Amino acid sequence: MSLLITTDGSLVRVTLNRPEVRNAFNEELIAELTAWAESVKVDGAARVAVLSGAGKMFCAGADLTWMSKMVAYTRDENVRDARAMARMFEALDRLPIPLIGRVHGAALGGGVGLAAVCDVVVAAEDCAFGFTEVKLGILPAVISPYAIAKIGASAARELFLTGARFSAARAKEIGLVHAVADESELDRVVAKYVNDLATSAPEAVAAAKALIAHVSCNEGTSAIEYTIDAIADRRVSSEGQEGMSAFLAKRLPSWISRGSS
């Protein structure tokens, strides 16, 4: 299997499992990631997912064997191939549950795209990042909507065009990464985020992700009307009613187990 999926209560661990090729993408891995992402439901058992890579690296981008096939592809075949990858990133970006990226070693090319679609990214201090596509005469195209949303057009102009590798510290500075730690501390930092997210109402989290997506792509009346409807809907929802009642009664809401911190 190119992808390992394990569950621990409401936590899902999704591991890229191609360490022999530095967890590089091929058709199989793309299909498996897409299938998993599209299967996740807001009212399912999963509350948080952690995405990581087996072996020494998070993800090196495209697999060389897969790339060698692309050289002989027609334009139509390339469109089909790119559409499959775009579907994967869109499915991951639209997950109704929080996705935490545990990034170590390096995230290059499409691997940076995976980091960009994560809601929270925890990276090892010595991790390297790079939009390296231009070095091969191609583009970070299908990942660009998510990468630019994270790092902004200014950083994209520098990093997309130079293809230069950059550090975890720089990645944090431009908004791609949220926390940087020694690799030995990655799991502890990830666990802290998992615990924090476990106290958030699951339907509200999904609605918050949708809110961010809408407001970031719209402005003026469209954004304002969306926000008005969004808060009104949440206030009268069963989850919103439970959360506000629990707060006023000074008790834990129903979605938090007694053992949660």
Protein backbone atom coordinates (compact mmCIF):
# COMPACT_ATOMS: atom_id res chain seq x y z
CA MET A 1 0.00 0.00 0.00
CA SER A 2 1.25 3.46 -0.89
CA LEU A 3 -0.77 4.93 1.97
CA LEU A 4 -1.08 3.69 5.56
CA ILE A 5 -4.19 4.72 7.48
CA THR A 6 -4.53 3.95 11.16
CA THR A 7 -7.07 5.15 13.69
CA ASP A 8 -6.79 5.83 17.40
CA GLY A 9 -10.21 6.83 18.62
CA SER A 10 -11.11 10.05 16.80
CA LEU A 11 -7.54 10.54 15.50
CA VAL A 12 -6.62 9.32 12.01
CA ARG A 13 -2.97 8.94 11.04
CA VAL A 14 -2.35 9.07 7.30
CA THR A 15 1.18 8.10 6.30
CA LEU A 16 2.73 8.34 2.85
CA ASN A 17 4.30 4.89 2.61
CA ARG A 18 6.81 4.96 -0.24
CA PRO A 19 10.05 5.54 1.72
CA GLU A 20 12.16 3.86 -0.96
CA VAL A 21 11.38 6.78 -3.30
CA ARG A 22 11.14 9.44 -0.58
CA ASN A 23 7.33 9.21 -0.60
CA ALA A 24 7.16 10.65 -4.09
CA PHE A 25 3.83 10.80 -5.89
CA ASN A 26 2.69 8.31 -8.49
CA GLU A 27 -0.76 7.43 -9.82
CA GLU A 28 -1.39 4.92 -7.03
CA LEU A 29 -0.54 7.29 -4.18
CA ILE A 30 -2.62 10.07 -5.73
CA ALA A 31 -5.61 7.73 -6.11
CA GLU A 32 -5.33 6.45 -2.55
CA LEU A 33 -5.02 9.91 -1.00
CA THR A 34 -7.98 11.13 -3.04
CA ALA A 35 -10.13 8.16 -2.06
CA TRP A 36 -9.34 8.64 1.62
CA ALA A 37 -9.95 12.40 1.59
CA GLU A 38 -13.27 12.05 -0.23
CA SER A 39 -14.43 9.38 2.25
CA VAL A 40 -14.13 11.62 5.33
CA LYS A 41 -17.43 12.90 6.69
CA VAL A 42 -18.06 15.69 9.20
CA ASP A 43 -20.35 13.42 11.23
CA GLY A 44 -17.99 10.43 11.15
CA ALA A 45 -15.77 9.03 13.89
CA ALA A 46 -12.70 10.97 12.72
CA ARG A 47 -12.17 14.34 14.38
CA VAL A 48 -8.53 15.11 13.47
CA ALA A 49 -6.09 13.72 10.88
CA VAL A 50 -2.29 13.80 10.91
CA LEU A 51 -0.46 13.52 7.58
CA SER A 52 3.16 12.34 7.66
CA GLY A 53 5.75 10.51 5.60
CA ALA A 54 7.47 7.20 6.29
CA GLY A 55 11.25 7.03 6.35
CA LYS A 56 13.62 9.96 6.10
CA MET A 57 11.48 12.45 4.19
CA PHE A 58 7.95 13.82 4.13
CA CYS A 59 7.54 13.98 0.32
CA ALA A 60 9.94 14.58 -2.55
CA GLY A 61 7.30 15.53 -5.12
CA ALA A 62 6.88 13.51 -8.30
CA ASP A 63 8.22 9.97 -8.68
CA LEU A 64 10.92 9.64 -11.36
CA THR A 65 9.27 6.60 -12.95
CA TRP A 66 5.98 8.49 -13.14
CA MET A 67 7.76 11.54 -14.59
CA SER A 68 9.41 9.39 -17.24
CA LYS A 69 5.95 8.42 -18.49
CA MET A 70 4.90 12.07 -18.69
CA VAL A 71 7.62 12.82 -21.23
CA ALA A 72 5.74 10.68 -23.76
CA TYR A 73 2.24 11.86 -22.81
CA THR A 74 0.10 13.79 -25.27
CA ARG A 75 -1.37 17.07 -24.09
CA ASP A 76 -4.72 15.38 -23.47
CA GLU A 77 -3.02 12.71 -21.37
CA ASN A 78 -1.23 15.43 -19.40
CA VAL A 79 -4.54 17.21 -18.80
CA ARG A 80 -6.04 13.97 -17.48
CA ASP A 81 -3.00 13.36 -15.27
CA ALA A 82 -2.97 16.93 -13.91
CA ARG A 83 -6.72 16.79 -13.27
CA ALA A 84 -6.27 13.70 -11.08
CA MET A 85 -3.66 15.47 -8.98
CA ALA A 86 -5.75 18.63 -8.78
CA ARG A 87 -8.68 16.55 -7.54
CA MET A 88 -6.46 15.11 -4.79
CA PHE A 89 -5.34 18.52 -3.54
CA GLU A 90 -8.87 19.86 -3.67
CA ALA A 91 -10.19 16.89 -1.69
CA LEU A 92 -7.50 17.33 0.96
CA ASP A 93 -8.10 21.08 1.11
CA ARG A 94 -11.84 20.56 1.58
CA LEU A 95 -11.57 17.95 4.34
CA PRO A 96 -14.30 18.65 6.90
CA ILE A 97 -11.88 17.79 9.73
CA PRO A 98 -8.59 19.48 10.66
CA LEU A 99 -5.52 18.15 8.85
CA ILE A 100 -2.17 18.47 10.61
CA GLY A 101 1.01 18.08 8.56
CA ARG A 102 3.95 16.45 10.33
CA VAL A 103 6.82 17.41 8.04
CA HIS A 104 10.37 16.15 8.34
CA GLY A 105 13.38 15.74 6.06
CA ALA A 106 12.10 17.67 3.06
CA ALA A 107 8.93 18.73 1.29
CA LEU A 108 9.64 19.46 -2.35
CA GLY A 109 7.42 20.24 -5.32
CA GLY A 110 4.07 18.56 -4.73
CA GLY A 111 5.23 17.82 -1.20
CA VAL A 112 5.04 21.54 -0.47
CA GLY A 113 1.55 21.40 -1.93
CA LEU A 114 0.61 18.82 0.68
CA ALA A 115 1.88 21.16 3.40
CA ALA A 116 -0.14 24.00 1.85
CA VAL A 117 -3.44 22.11 2.12
CA CYS A 118 -2.85 21.21 5.77
CA ASP A 119 -4.63 23.39 8.31
CA VAL A 120 -1.68 23.21 10.70
CA VAL A 121 1.90 22.32 9.76
CA VAL A 122 4.55 21.25 12.26
CA ALA A 123 8.01 21.02 10.70
CA ALA A 124 11.38 19.77 11.86
CA GLU A 125 14.01 22.48 12.30
CA ASP A 126 16.28 20.94 9.67
CA CYS A 127 13.52 20.35 7.13
CA ALA A 128 14.00 21.76 3.62
CA PHE A 129 11.22 23.11 1.41
CA GLY A 130 11.26 24.02 -2.26
CA PHE A 131 9.02 24.78 -5.21
CA THR A 132 11.55 23.08 -7.44
CA GLU A 133 9.41 22.60 -10.56
CA VAL A 134 10.99 25.41 -12.62
CA LYS A 135 14.34 23.63 -12.37
CA LEU A 136 12.72 20.92 -14.50
CA GLY A 137 11.12 23.37 -16.90
CA ILE A 138 7.64 22.88 -15.46
CA LEU A 139 5.41 24.72 -12.95
CA PRO A 140 4.00 24.36 -9.43
CA ALA A 141 0.65 24.73 -11.17
CA VAL A 142 -1.99 22.57 -9.46
CA ILE A 143 -0.59 23.38 -6.01
CA SER A 144 -0.46 27.13 -6.67
CA PRO A 145 -4.00 28.02 -5.43
CA TYR A 146 -3.19 26.53 -2.04
CA ALA A 147 0.44 27.64 -1.84
CA ILE A 148 -0.31 31.25 -2.79
CA ALA A 149 -3.19 31.34 -0.32
CA LYS A 150 -0.67 30.39 2.38
CA ILE A 151 2.46 32.33 1.45
CA GLY A 152 1.09 35.23 -0.63
CA ALA A 153 2.01 36.45 -4.09
CA SER A 154 5.23 38.18 -3.03
CA ALA A 155 6.87 35.07 -1.58
CA ALA A 156 5.53 33.04 -4.50
CA ARG A 157 7.23 35.38 -6.98
CA GLU A 158 10.56 34.69 -5.33
CA LEU A 159 10.19 30.99 -4.56
CA PHE A 160 8.24 29.79 -7.62
CA LEU A 161 10.63 31.57 -9.98
CA THR A 162 13.96 30.69 -8.35
CA GLY A 163 13.03 27.14 -7.33
CA ALA A 164 15.35 27.73 -4.39
CA ARG A 165 15.16 25.55 -1.32
CA PHE A 166 14.29 27.29 1.92
CA SER A 167 14.37 26.43 5.60
CA ALA A 168 11.64 25.58 8.06
CA ALA A 169 12.26 28.92 9.73
CA ARG A 170 11.60 30.73 6.41
CA ALA A 171 8.55 28.55 5.82
CA LYS A 172 7.18 29.66 9.19
CA GLU A 173 7.99 33.29 8.42
CA ILE A 174 5.90 33.23 5.23
CA GLY A 175 2.99 31.30 6.73
CA LEU A 176 3.50 27.85 5.21
CA VAL A 177 4.47 26.35 8.57
CA HIS A 178 2.93 27.09 11.96
CA ALA A 179 5.38 25.46 14.39
CA VAL A 180 9.03 24.46 14.10
CA ALA A 181 10.65 21.96 16.47
CA ASP A 182 13.55 19.58 16.76
CA GLU A 183 12.62 16.36 14.97
CA SER A 184 12.63 14.50 18.29
CA GLU A 185 9.89 16.88 19.50
CA LEU A 186 7.62 16.72 16.44
CA ASP A 187 5.23 14.16 17.89
CA ARG A 188 4.87 16.11 21.12
CA VAL A 189 4.01 19.33 19.28
CA VAL A 190 1.60 17.50 16.96
CA ALA A 191 -0.07 15.90 19.99
CA LYS A 192 -0.58 19.34 21.53
CA TYR A 193 -2.43 20.49 18.41
CA VAL A 194 -4.45 17.27 18.35
CA ASN A 195 -5.52 17.83 21.96
CA ASP A 196 -6.41 21.46 21.29
CA LEU A 197 -8.52 20.47 18.28
CA ALA A 198 -10.27 17.73 20.24
CA THR A 199 -12.03 20.38 22.33
CA SER A 200 -13.41 22.17 19.25
CA ALA A 201 -16.94 21.34 18.12
CA PRO A 202 -16.63 19.13 15.01
CA GLU A 203 -19.45 20.70 12.98
CA ALA A 204 -18.20 24.18 13.89
CA VAL A 205 -14.71 23.22 12.71
CA ALA A 206 -16.07 22.11 9.34
CA ALA A 207 -18.11 25.32 9.11
CA ALA A 208 -15.06 27.40 10.06
CA LYS A 209 -13.03 25.79 7.27
CA ALA A 210 -15.81 26.59 4.80
CA LEU A 211 -15.98 30.15 6.16
CA ILE A 212 -12.26 30.69 5.61
CA ALA A 213 -12.48 29.32 2.07
CA HIS A 214 -15.43 31.54 1.16
CA VAL A 215 -14.28 34.78 2.77
CA SER A 216 -10.75 34.47 1.39
CA CYS A 217 -12.15 34.21 -2.16
CA ASN A 218 -14.92 36.78 -1.87
CA GLU A 219 -15.26 40.33 -0.64
CA GLY A 220 -17.82 43.02 0.01
CA THR A 221 -21.49 42.08 0.16
CA SER A 222 -20.94 38.44 -0.77
CA ALA A 223 -18.57 37.86 2.13
CA ILE A 224 -20.66 39.87 4.59
CA GLU A 225 -23.91 38.07 3.75
CA TYR A 226 -22.16 34.71 4.02
CA THR A 227 -20.85 35.55 7.50
CA ILE A 228 -24.30 36.70 8.67
CA ASP A 229 -25.91 33.45 7.51
CA ALA A 230 -23.04 31.38 8.89
CA ILE A 231 -23.25 32.68 12.46
CA ALA A 232 -27.07 32.61 12.46
CA ASP A 233 -27.02 28.98 11.32
CA ARG A 234 -24.49 28.00 13.98
CA ARG A 235 -26.37 29.74 16.80
CA VAL A 236 -29.55 27.78 16.12
CA SER A 237 -27.78 24.48 15.35
CA SER A 238 -27.95 21.70 17.94
CA GLU A 239 -24.18 21.91 18.39
CA GLY A 240 -24.24 25.69 18.83
CA GLN A 241 -27.09 25.44 21.31
CA GLU A 242 -25.22 22.76 23.25
CA GLY A 243 -21.98 24.76 23.29
CA MET A 244 -23.59 27.98 24.48
CA SER A 245 -25.68 26.14 27.09
CA ALA A 246 -22.60 24.33 28.39
CA PHE A 247 -20.69 27.60 28.65
CA LEU A 248 -23.49 29.30 30.60
CA ALA A 249 -23.90 26.27 32.87
CA LYS A 250 -20.12 26.04 33.37
CA ARG A 251 -19.95 22.44 32.21
CA LEU A 252 -18.17 20.63 29.37
CA PRO A 253 -20.06 20.41 26.07
CA SER A 254 -21.07 16.95 24.86
CA TRP A 255 -18.30 16.67 22.25
CA ILE A 256 -15.55 16.83 24.89
CA SER A 257 -14.80 13.63 26.76
CA ARG A 258 -14.18 13.93 30.48
CA GLY A 259 -10.56 12.95 29.99
CA SER A 260 -9.81 15.74 27.53
CA SER A 261 -7.64 18.66 28.60
